PDB file of all heavy atoms in Angstrom:
ATOM      1  N   SER A   1      96.698 106.535  97.734  1.00  0.00           N
ATOM      2  CA  SER A   1      95.558 107.173  97.105  1.00  0.00           C
ATOM      3  C   SER A   1      95.888 108.616  96.652  1.00  0.00           C
ATOM      4  O   SER A   1      95.499 109.003  95.557  1.00  0.00           O
ATOM      5  CB  SER A   1      94.328 107.252  98.072  1.00  0.00           C
ATOM      6  OG  SER A   1      93.885 105.937  98.332  1.00  0.00           O
ATOM      7  N   CYS A   2      96.692 109.331  97.470  1.00  0.00           N
ATOM      8  CA  CYS A   2      97.114 110.652  97.075  1.00  0.00           C
ATOM      9  C   CYS A   2      98.049 110.620  95.842  1.00  0.00           C
ATOM     10  O   CYS A   2      97.860 111.331  94.868  1.00  0.00           O
ATOM     11  CB  CYS A   2      97.884 111.310  98.206  1.00  0.00           C
ATOM     12  SG  CYS A   2      96.889 111.969  99.521  1.00  0.00           S
ATOM     13  N   VAL A   3      98.976 109.735  95.936  1.00  0.00           N
ATOM     14  CA  VAL A   3     100.005 109.625  94.820  1.00  0.00           C
ATOM     15  C   VAL A   3      99.383 109.097  93.501  1.00  0.00           C
ATOM     16  O   VAL A   3      99.649 109.594  92.429  1.00  0.00           O
ATOM     17  CB  VAL A   3     101.171 108.703  95.268  1.00  0.00           C
ATOM     18  CG1 VAL A   3     102.101 108.418  94.094  1.00  0.00           C
ATOM     19  CG2 VAL A   3     101.897 109.272  96.485  1.00  0.00           C
ATOM     20  N   LEU A   4      98.545 108.076  93.614  1.00  0.00           N
ATOM     21  CA  LEU A   4      98.028 107.409  92.365  1.00  0.00           C
ATOM     22  C   LEU A   4      96.621 107.870  91.965  1.00  0.00           C
ATOM     23  O   LEU A   4      96.304 107.698  90.775  1.00  0.00           O
ATOM     24  CB  LEU A   4      98.017 105.910  92.621  1.00  0.00           C
ATOM     25  CG  LEU A   4      99.326 105.235  92.969  1.00  0.00           C
ATOM     26  CD1 LEU A   4      99.166 103.753  93.299  1.00  0.00           C
ATOM     27  CD2 LEU A   4     100.310 105.360  91.777  1.00  0.00           C
ATOM     28  N   CYS A   5      95.773 108.362  92.859  1.00  0.00           N
ATOM     29  CA  CYS A   5      94.427 108.675  92.551  1.00  0.00           C
ATOM     30  C   CYS A   5      94.012 110.108  92.840  1.00  0.00           C
ATOM     31  O   CYS A   5      92.811 110.466  92.794  1.00  0.00           O
ATOM     32  CB  CYS A   5      93.455 107.697  93.251  1.00  0.00           C
ATOM     33  SG  CYS A   5      93.868 105.969  93.029  1.00  0.00           S
ATOM     34  N   GLN A   6      95.025 110.962  93.231  1.00  0.00           N
ATOM     35  CA  GLN A   6      94.741 112.342  93.522  1.00  0.00           C
ATOM     36  C   GLN A   6      93.714 112.544  94.723  1.00  0.00           C
ATOM     37  O   GLN A   6      92.972 113.502  94.708  1.00  0.00           O
ATOM     38  CB  GLN A   6      94.289 113.110  92.281  1.00  0.00           C
ATOM     39  CG  GLN A   6      95.354 113.369  91.255  1.00  0.00           C
ATOM     40  CD  GLN A   6      95.808 112.112  90.559  1.00  0.00           C
ATOM     41  OE1 GLN A   6      95.041 111.459  89.983  1.00  0.00           O
ATOM     42  NE2 GLN A   6      97.071 111.770  90.659  1.00  0.00           N
ATOM     43  N   PHE A   7      93.751 111.673  95.676  1.00  0.00           N
ATOM     44  CA  PHE A   7      93.005 111.851  96.890  1.00  0.00           C
ATOM     45  C   PHE A   7      93.483 113.160  97.548  1.00  0.00           C
ATOM     46  O   PHE A   7      94.715 113.484  97.538  1.00  0.00           O
ATOM     47  CB  PHE A   7      93.188 110.719  97.832  1.00  0.00           C
ATOM     48  CG  PHE A   7      92.362 110.801  99.136  1.00  0.00           C
ATOM     49  CD1 PHE A   7      91.104 110.282  99.105  1.00  0.00           C
ATOM     50  CD2 PHE A   7      92.863 111.394 100.266  1.00  0.00           C
ATOM     51  CE1 PHE A   7      90.275 110.350 100.321  1.00  0.00           C
ATOM     52  CE2 PHE A   7      92.083 111.435 101.413  1.00  0.00           C
ATOM     53  CZ  PHE A   7      90.826 110.930 101.437  1.00  0.00           C
ATOM     54  N   PRO A   8      92.577 114.050  98.017  1.00  0.00           N
ATOM     55  CA  PRO A   8      92.973 115.391  98.537  1.00  0.00           C
ATOM     56  C   PRO A   8      93.981 115.248  99.714  1.00  0.00           C
ATOM     57  O   PRO A   8      93.802 114.559 100.670  1.00  0.00           O
ATOM     58  CB  PRO A   8      91.731 115.958  99.052  1.00  0.00           C
ATOM     59  CG  PRO A   8      90.551 115.309  98.273  1.00  0.00           C
ATOM     60  CD  PRO A   8      91.127 113.901  98.057  1.00  0.00           C
ATOM     61  N   THR A   9      95.131 115.927  99.552  1.00  0.00           N
ATOM     62  CA  THR A   9      96.224 115.818 100.490  1.00  0.00           C
ATOM     63  C   THR A   9      95.809 116.291 101.870  1.00  0.00           C
ATOM     64  O   THR A   9      96.177 115.705 102.915  1.00  0.00           O
ATOM     65  CB  THR A   9      97.418 116.692 100.075  1.00  0.00           C
ATOM     66  OG1 THR A   9      97.755 116.233  98.721  1.00  0.00           O
ATOM     67  CG2 THR A   9      98.649 116.432 100.889  1.00  0.00           C
ATOM     68  N   ASP A  10      94.990 117.402 101.933  1.00  0.00           N
ATOM     69  CA  ASP A  10      94.563 117.912 103.248  1.00  0.00           C
ATOM     70  C   ASP A  10      93.733 116.831 104.010  1.00  0.00           C
ATOM     71  O   ASP A  10      93.887 116.706 105.257  1.00  0.00           O
ATOM     72  CB  ASP A  10      93.837 119.230 103.119  1.00  0.00           C
ATOM     73  CG  ASP A  10      92.617 119.141 102.284  1.00  0.00           C
ATOM     74  OD1 ASP A  10      92.536 118.272 101.345  1.00  0.00           O
ATOM     75  OD2 ASP A  10      91.656 119.892 102.445  1.00  0.00           O
ATOM     76  N   ARG A  11      92.908 116.156 103.317  1.00  0.00           N
ATOM     77  CA  ARG A  11      92.080 115.149 103.931  1.00  0.00           C
ATOM     78  C   ARG A  11      92.823 113.933 104.420  1.00  0.00           C
ATOM     79  O   ARG A  11      92.562 113.303 105.406  1.00  0.00           O
ATOM     80  CB  ARG A  11      90.944 114.785 103.062  1.00  0.00           C
ATOM     81  CG  ARG A  11      89.880 115.833 102.841  1.00  0.00           C
ATOM     82  CD  ARG A  11      88.786 115.439 101.936  1.00  0.00           C
ATOM     83  NE  ARG A  11      87.686 116.463 102.054  1.00  0.00           N
ATOM     84  CZ  ARG A  11      86.569 116.414 101.282  1.00  0.00           C
ATOM     85  NH1 ARG A  11      86.405 115.471 100.369  1.00  0.00           N
ATOM     86  NH2 ARG A  11      85.636 117.324 101.409  1.00  0.00           N
ATOM     87  N   MET A  12      93.867 113.618 103.594  1.00  0.00           N
ATOM     88  CA  MET A  12      94.798 112.528 104.009  1.00  0.00           C
ATOM     89  C   MET A  12      95.546 112.906 105.261  1.00  0.00           C
ATOM     90  O   MET A  12      95.489 112.163 106.210  1.00  0.00           O
ATOM     91  CB  MET A  12      95.791 112.304 102.856  1.00  0.00           C
ATOM     92  CG  MET A  12      96.683 111.151 103.072  1.00  0.00           C
ATOM     93  SD  MET A  12      98.406 111.417 103.661  1.00  0.00           S
ATOM     94  CE  MET A  12      99.077 112.560 102.492  1.00  0.00           C
ATOM     95  N   ARG A  13      96.012 114.123 105.318  1.00  0.00           N
ATOM     96  CA  ARG A  13      96.809 114.610 106.461  1.00  0.00           C
ATOM     97  C   ARG A  13      95.944 114.617 107.742  1.00  0.00           C
ATOM     98  O   ARG A  13      96.397 114.236 108.867  1.00  0.00           O
ATOM     99  CB  ARG A  13      97.377 115.913 106.200  1.00  0.00           C
ATOM    100  CG  ARG A  13      98.651 115.870 105.252  1.00  0.00           C
ATOM    101  CD  ARG A  13      99.236 117.206 105.027  1.00  0.00           C
ATOM    102  NE  ARG A  13     100.458 117.091 104.167  1.00  0.00           N
ATOM    103  CZ  ARG A  13     100.851 118.019 103.306  1.00  0.00           C
ATOM    104  NH1 ARG A  13     100.180 119.112 103.203  1.00  0.00           N
ATOM    105  NH2 ARG A  13     101.931 117.814 102.639  1.00  0.00           N
ATOM    106  N   GLN A  14      94.730 115.123 107.588  1.00  0.00           N
ATOM    107  CA  GLN A  14      93.752 115.168 108.682  1.00  0.00           C
ATOM    108  C   GLN A  14      93.488 113.776 109.261  1.00  0.00           C
ATOM    109  O   GLN A  14      93.430 113.564 110.457  1.00  0.00           O
ATOM    110  CB  GLN A  14      92.497 115.879 108.216  1.00  0.00           C
ATOM    111  CG  GLN A  14      91.722 116.603 109.290  1.00  0.00           C
ATOM    112  CD  GLN A  14      90.508 117.373 108.817  1.00  0.00           C
ATOM    113  OE1 GLN A  14      90.462 117.709 107.642  1.00  0.00           O
ATOM    114  NE2 GLN A  14      89.562 117.571 109.614  1.00  0.00           N
ATOM    115  N   THR A  15      93.234 112.847 108.323  1.00  0.00           N
ATOM    116  CA  THR A  15      92.920 111.485 108.771  1.00  0.00           C
ATOM    117  C   THR A  15      94.133 110.819 109.439  1.00  0.00           C
ATOM    118  O   THR A  15      94.035 110.162 110.487  1.00  0.00           O
ATOM    119  CB  THR A  15      92.442 110.601 107.557  1.00  0.00           C
ATOM    120  OG1 THR A  15      91.456 111.281 106.834  1.00  0.00           O
ATOM    121  CG2 THR A  15      91.910 109.267 108.015  1.00  0.00           C
ATOM    122  N   VAL A  16      95.340 111.038 108.802  1.00  0.00           N
ATOM    123  CA  VAL A  16      96.555 110.414 109.368  1.00  0.00           C
ATOM    124  C   VAL A  16      96.854 110.938 110.709  1.00  0.00           C
ATOM    125  O   VAL A  16      97.213 110.207 111.643  1.00  0.00           O
ATOM    126  CB  VAL A  16      97.753 110.679 108.402  1.00  0.00           C
ATOM    127  CG1 VAL A  16      99.079 110.336 109.028  1.00  0.00           C
ATOM    128  CG2 VAL A  16      97.536 109.854 107.118  1.00  0.00           C
ATOM    129  N   GLN A  17      96.656 112.267 110.940  1.00  0.00           N
ATOM    130  CA  GLN A  17      96.906 112.924 112.268  1.00  0.00           C
ATOM    131  C   GLN A  17      95.984 112.278 113.256  1.00  0.00           C
ATOM    132  O   GLN A  17      96.382 111.941 114.397  1.00  0.00           O
ATOM    133  CB  GLN A  17      96.658 114.389 112.138  1.00  0.00           C
ATOM    134  CG  GLN A  17      97.037 115.167 113.433  1.00  0.00           C
ATOM    135  CD  GLN A  17      98.459 114.983 113.931  1.00  0.00           C
ATOM    136  OE1 GLN A  17      99.343 114.822 113.087  1.00  0.00           O
ATOM    137  NE2 GLN A  17      98.695 114.982 115.230  1.00  0.00           N
ATOM    138  N   CYS A  18      94.733 112.098 112.937  1.00  0.00           N
ATOM    139  CA  CYS A  18      93.676 111.497 113.762  1.00  0.00           C
ATOM    140  C   CYS A  18      94.161 110.044 114.188  1.00  0.00           C
ATOM    141  O   CYS A  18      94.074 109.640 115.360  1.00  0.00           O
ATOM    142  CB  CYS A  18      92.369 111.443 113.080  1.00  0.00           C
ATOM    143  SG  CYS A  18      91.080 110.416 113.884  1.00  0.00           S
ATOM    144  N   ILE A  19      94.680 109.292 113.202  1.00  0.00           N
ATOM    145  CA  ILE A  19      95.156 107.936 113.503  1.00  0.00           C
ATOM    146  C   ILE A  19      96.374 107.910 114.358  1.00  0.00           C
ATOM    147  O   ILE A  19      96.448 107.166 115.337  1.00  0.00           O
ATOM    148  CB  ILE A  19      95.406 107.202 112.154  1.00  0.00           C
ATOM    149  CG1 ILE A  19      94.018 106.935 111.440  1.00  0.00           C
ATOM    150  CG2 ILE A  19      96.178 105.884 112.375  1.00  0.00           C
ATOM    151  CD1 ILE A  19      94.153 106.421 109.949  1.00  0.00           C
ATOM    152  N   LYS A  20      97.287 108.842 114.108  1.00  0.00           N
ATOM    153  CA  LYS A  20      98.532 108.825 114.901  1.00  0.00           C
ATOM    154  C   LYS A  20      98.232 109.188 116.391  1.00  0.00           C
ATOM    155  O   LYS A  20      98.797 108.576 117.345  1.00  0.00           O
ATOM    156  CB  LYS A  20      99.489 109.888 114.346  1.00  0.00           C
ATOM    157  CG  LYS A  20     100.314 109.435 113.176  1.00  0.00           C
ATOM    158  CD  LYS A  20     101.159 110.552 112.653  1.00  0.00           C
ATOM    159  CE  LYS A  20     102.645 110.216 112.705  1.00  0.00           C
ATOM    160  NZ  LYS A  20     103.510 111.201 112.076  1.00  0.00           N
ATOM    161  N   GLU A  21      97.240 110.092 116.571  1.00  0.00           N
ATOM    162  CA  GLU A  21      96.912 110.447 117.974  1.00  0.00           C
ATOM    163  C   GLU A  21      96.247 109.317 118.692  1.00  0.00           C
ATOM    164  O   GLU A  21      96.400 109.115 119.902  1.00  0.00           O
ATOM    165  CB  GLU A  21      95.985 111.684 117.965  1.00  0.00           C
ATOM    166  CG  GLU A  21      96.661 112.942 117.532  1.00  0.00           C
ATOM    167  CD  GLU A  21      95.707 114.109 117.307  1.00  0.00           C
ATOM    168  OE1 GLU A  21      94.493 113.915 117.405  1.00  0.00           O
ATOM    169  OE2 GLU A  21      96.182 115.194 116.953  1.00  0.00           O
ATOM    170  N   ARG A  22      95.386 108.526 117.995  1.00  0.00           N
ATOM    171  CA  ARG A  22      94.623 107.485 118.638  1.00  0.00           C
ATOM    172  C   ARG A  22      95.301 106.059 118.701  1.00  0.00           C
ATOM    173  O   ARG A  22      95.021 105.297 119.553  1.00  0.00           O
ATOM    174  CB  ARG A  22      93.264 107.365 117.926  1.00  0.00           C
ATOM    175  CG  ARG A  22      92.413 108.605 118.140  1.00  0.00           C
ATOM    176  CD  ARG A  22      91.180 108.604 117.354  1.00  0.00           C
ATOM    177  NE  ARG A  22      90.353 109.762 117.488  1.00  0.00           N
ATOM    178  CZ  ARG A  22      89.203 110.085 116.829  1.00  0.00           C
ATOM    179  NH1 ARG A  22      88.837 109.264 115.854  1.00  0.00           N
ATOM    180  NH2 ARG A  22      88.562 111.188 117.069  1.00  0.00           N
ATOM    181  N   TYR A  23      96.146 105.854 117.659  1.00  0.00           N
ATOM    182  CA  TYR A  23      96.660 104.463 117.501  1.00  0.00           C
ATOM    183  C   TYR A  23      98.200 104.381 117.604  1.00  0.00           C
ATOM    184  O   TYR A  23      98.803 103.328 117.545  1.00  0.00           O
ATOM    185  CB  TYR A  23      96.201 103.882 116.161  1.00  0.00           C
ATOM    186  CG  TYR A  23      94.708 103.764 116.068  1.00  0.00           C
ATOM    187  CD1 TYR A  23      93.967 104.839 115.472  1.00  0.00           C
ATOM    188  CD2 TYR A  23      94.050 102.696 116.590  1.00  0.00           C
ATOM    189  CE1 TYR A  23      92.597 104.823 115.425  1.00  0.00           C
ATOM    190  CE2 TYR A  23      92.632 102.647 116.450  1.00  0.00           C
ATOM    191  CZ  TYR A  23      91.960 103.688 115.869  1.00  0.00           C
ATOM    192  OH  TYR A  23      90.626 103.676 115.835  1.00  0.00           O
ATOM    193  N   GLY A  24      98.895 105.569 117.665  1.00  0.00           N
ATOM    194  CA  GLY A  24     100.344 105.531 117.685  1.00  0.00           C
ATOM    195  C   GLY A  24     100.852 105.025 116.354  1.00  0.00           C
ATOM    196  O   GLY A  24     100.199 105.232 115.273  1.00  0.00           O
ATOM    197  N   GLN A  25     102.031 104.446 116.360  1.00  0.00           N
ATOM    198  CA  GLN A  25     102.629 103.973 115.080  1.00  0.00           C
ATOM    199  C   GLN A  25     103.059 102.579 115.163  1.00  0.00           C
ATOM    200  O   GLN A  25     103.342 102.032 116.244  1.00  0.00           O
ATOM    201  CB  GLN A  25     103.815 104.849 114.756  1.00  0.00           C
ATOM    202  CG  GLN A  25     103.461 106.301 114.386  1.00  0.00           C
ATOM    203  CD  GLN A  25     104.708 107.176 114.297  1.00  0.00           C
ATOM    204  OE1 GLN A  25     105.249 107.595 115.375  1.00  0.00           O
ATOM    205  NE2 GLN A  25     105.203 107.432 113.116  1.00  0.00           N
ATOM    206  N   PHE A  26     103.084 101.841 114.046  1.00  0.00           N
ATOM    207  CA  PHE A  26     103.613 100.522 113.974  1.00  0.00           C
ATOM    208  C   PHE A  26     105.049 100.600 113.476  1.00  0.00           C
ATOM    209  O   PHE A  26     105.327 101.044 112.318  1.00  0.00           O
ATOM    210  CB  PHE A  26     102.773  99.702 112.994  1.00  0.00           C
ATOM    211  CG  PHE A  26     103.220  98.223 112.910  1.00  0.00           C
ATOM    212  CD1 PHE A  26     103.086  97.391 114.017  1.00  0.00           C
ATOM    213  CD2 PHE A  26     103.738  97.708 111.700  1.00  0.00           C
ATOM    214  CE1 PHE A  26     103.501  96.047 113.941  1.00  0.00           C
ATOM    215  CE2 PHE A  26     104.140  96.413 111.626  1.00  0.00           C
ATOM    216  CZ  PHE A  26     104.034  95.493 112.753  1.00  0.00           C
ATOM    217  N   LEU A  27     105.982 100.195 114.352  1.00  0.00           N
ATOM    218  CA  LEU A  27     107.418 100.413 114.003  1.00  0.00           C
ATOM    219  C   LEU A  27     108.012  99.195 113.385  1.00  0.00           C
ATOM    220  O   LEU A  27     107.932  98.104 113.869  1.00  0.00           O
ATOM    221  CB  LEU A  27     108.117 100.774 115.339  1.00  0.00           C
ATOM    222  CG  LEU A  27     107.703 102.022 116.065  1.00  0.00           C
ATOM    223  CD1 LEU A  27     108.453 102.192 117.379  1.00  0.00           C
ATOM    224  CD2 LEU A  27     107.829 103.264 115.208  1.00  0.00           C
ATOM    225  N   PHE A  28     108.687  99.428 112.230  1.00  0.00           N
ATOM    226  CA  PHE A  28     109.449  98.421 111.643  1.00  0.00           C
ATOM    227  C   PHE A  28     110.622  99.107 110.836  1.00  0.00           C
ATOM    228  O   PHE A  28     110.562 100.285 110.619  1.00  0.00           O
ATOM    229  CB  PHE A  28     108.632  97.532 110.690  1.00  0.00           C
ATOM    230  CG  PHE A  28     107.893  98.291 109.630  1.00  0.00           C
ATOM    231  CD1 PHE A  28     108.406  98.428 108.346  1.00  0.00           C
ATOM    232  CD2 PHE A  28     106.636  98.867 109.889  1.00  0.00           C
ATOM    233  CE1 PHE A  28     107.712  99.106 107.352  1.00  0.00           C
ATOM    234  CE2 PHE A  28     105.936  99.597 108.932  1.00  0.00           C
ATOM    235  CZ  PHE A  28     106.424  99.715 107.642  1.00  0.00           C
ATOM    236  N   THR A  29     111.613  98.332 110.531  1.00  0.00           N
ATOM    237  CA  THR A  29     112.820  98.918 109.878  1.00  0.00           C
ATOM    238  C   THR A  29     112.911  98.490 108.438  1.00  0.00           C
ATOM    239  O   THR A  29     112.221  97.567 108.019  1.00  0.00           O
ATOM    240  CB  THR A  29     114.088  98.515 110.641  1.00  0.00           C
ATOM    241  OG1 THR A  29     114.332  97.082 110.406  1.00  0.00           O
ATOM    242  CG2 THR A  29     113.995  98.725 112.148  1.00  0.00           C
ATOM    243  N   CYS A  30     113.865  99.105 107.675  1.00  0.00           N
ATOM    244  CA  CYS A  30     114.003  98.702 106.271  1.00  0.00           C
ATOM    245  C   CYS A  30     114.479  97.263 106.149  1.00  0.00           C
ATOM    246  O   CYS A  30     114.390  96.693 105.098  1.00  0.00           O
ATOM    247  CB  CYS A  30     114.981  99.706 105.623  1.00  0.00           C
ATOM    248  SG  CYS A  30     116.549  99.874 106.498  1.00  0.00           S
ATOM    249  N   LYS A  31     115.046  96.682 107.206  1.00  0.00           N
ATOM    250  CA  LYS A  31     115.422  95.330 107.188  1.00  0.00           C
ATOM    251  C   LYS A  31     114.251  94.374 107.098  1.00  0.00           C
ATOM    252  O   LYS A  31     114.414  93.207 106.745  1.00  0.00           O
ATOM    253  CB  LYS A  31     116.298  94.981 108.418  1.00  0.00           C
ATOM    254  CG  LYS A  31     117.674  95.592 108.464  1.00  0.00           C
ATOM    255  CD  LYS A  31     118.405  95.239 109.720  1.00  0.00           C
ATOM    256  CE  LYS A  31     119.794  95.968 109.724  1.00  0.00           C
ATOM    257  NZ  LYS A  31     120.481  95.703 110.993  1.00  0.00           N
ATOM    258  N   GLU A  32     113.068  94.910 107.446  1.00  0.00           N
ATOM    259  CA  GLU A  32     111.894  94.060 107.472  1.00  0.00           C
ATOM    260  C   GLU A  32     110.966  94.283 106.174  1.00  0.00           C
ATOM    261  O   GLU A  32     109.914  93.660 106.061  1.00  0.00           O
ATOM    262  CB  GLU A  32     111.029  94.354 108.681  1.00  0.00           C
ATOM    263  CG  GLU A  32     111.717  93.925 109.968  1.00  0.00           C
ATOM    264  CD  GLU A  32     110.963  94.463 111.186  1.00  0.00           C
ATOM    265  OE1 GLU A  32     111.079  95.628 111.536  1.00  0.00           O
ATOM    266  OE2 GLU A  32     110.325  93.623 111.846  1.00  0.00           O
ATOM    267  N   TYR A  33     111.493  95.108 105.242  1.00  0.00           N
ATOM    268  CA  TYR A  33     110.713  95.351 103.977  1.00  0.00           C
ATOM    269  C   TYR A  33     110.368  94.053 103.232  1.00  0.00           C
ATOM    270  O   TYR A  33     109.296  93.882 102.725  1.00  0.00           O
ATOM    271  CB  TYR A  33     111.460  96.360 103.089  1.00  0.00           C
ATOM    272  CG  TYR A  33     111.412  97.818 103.520  1.00  0.00           C
ATOM    273  CD1 TYR A  33     112.165  98.723 102.772  1.00  0.00           C
ATOM    274  CD2 TYR A  33     110.709  98.179 104.655  1.00  0.00           C
ATOM    275  CE1 TYR A  33     112.113 100.108 103.204  1.00  0.00           C
ATOM    276  CE2 TYR A  33     110.700  99.504 105.070  1.00  0.00           C
ATOM    277  CZ  TYR A  33     111.413 100.450 104.372  1.00  0.00           C
ATOM    278  OH  TYR A  33     111.398 101.752 104.697  1.00  0.00           O
ATOM    279  N   ASP A  34     111.391  93.202 103.138  1.00  0.00           N
ATOM    280  CA  ASP A  34     111.225  91.958 102.365  1.00  0.00           C
ATOM    281  C   ASP A  34     110.110  91.094 103.025  1.00  0.00           C
ATOM    282  O   ASP A  34     109.278  90.488 102.243  1.00  0.00           O
ATOM    283  CB  ASP A  34     112.535  91.150 102.228  1.00  0.00           C
ATOM    284  CG  ASP A  34     113.469  91.783 101.242  1.00  0.00           C
ATOM    285  OD1 ASP A  34     113.027  92.734 100.499  1.00  0.00           O
ATOM    286  OD2 ASP A  34     114.661  91.458 101.303  1.00  0.00           O
ATOM    287  N   ARG A  35     110.126  91.035 104.282  1.00  0.00           N
ATOM    288  CA  ARG A  35     109.104  90.245 104.996  1.00  0.00           C
ATOM    289  C   ARG A  35     107.711  90.841 104.785  1.00  0.00           C
ATOM    290  O   ARG A  35     106.758  90.106 104.541  1.00  0.00           O
ATOM    291  CB  ARG A  35     109.441  90.156 106.535  1.00  0.00           C
ATOM    292  CG  ARG A  35     108.434  89.391 107.419  1.00  0.00           C
ATOM    293  CD  ARG A  35     108.387  87.942 106.961  1.00  0.00           C
ATOM    294  NE  ARG A  35     107.311  87.214 107.610  1.00  0.00           N
ATOM    295  CZ  ARG A  35     106.546  86.325 106.990  1.00  0.00           C
ATOM    296  NH1 ARG A  35     106.696  86.013 105.730  1.00  0.00           N
ATOM    297  NH2 ARG A  35     105.633  85.681 107.678  1.00  0.00           N
ATOM    298  N   LEU A  36     107.654  92.186 104.902  1.00  0.00           N
ATOM    299  CA  LEU A  36     106.406  92.835 104.721  1.00  0.00           C
ATOM    300  C   LEU A  36     105.870  92.613 103.295  1.00  0.00           C
ATOM    301  O   LEU A  36     104.685  92.323 103.056  1.00  0.00           O
ATOM    302  CB  LEU A  36     106.560  94.351 104.985  1.00  0.00           C
ATOM    303  CG  LEU A  36     105.294  95.213 104.891  1.00  0.00           C
ATOM    304  CD1 LEU A  36     104.239  94.803 105.921  1.00  0.00           C
ATOM    305  CD2 LEU A  36     105.650  96.690 105.175  1.00  0.00           C
TER     306      LEU A  36
END
């Protein structure tokens, strides 16, 4: 949304930080890009 629709970067970062703190991260490697 930031890259394509100019969603405000500060609001993106605030939301992403909130998500990282509460949900952690989903780990995958570049070898799984094709599957994704």
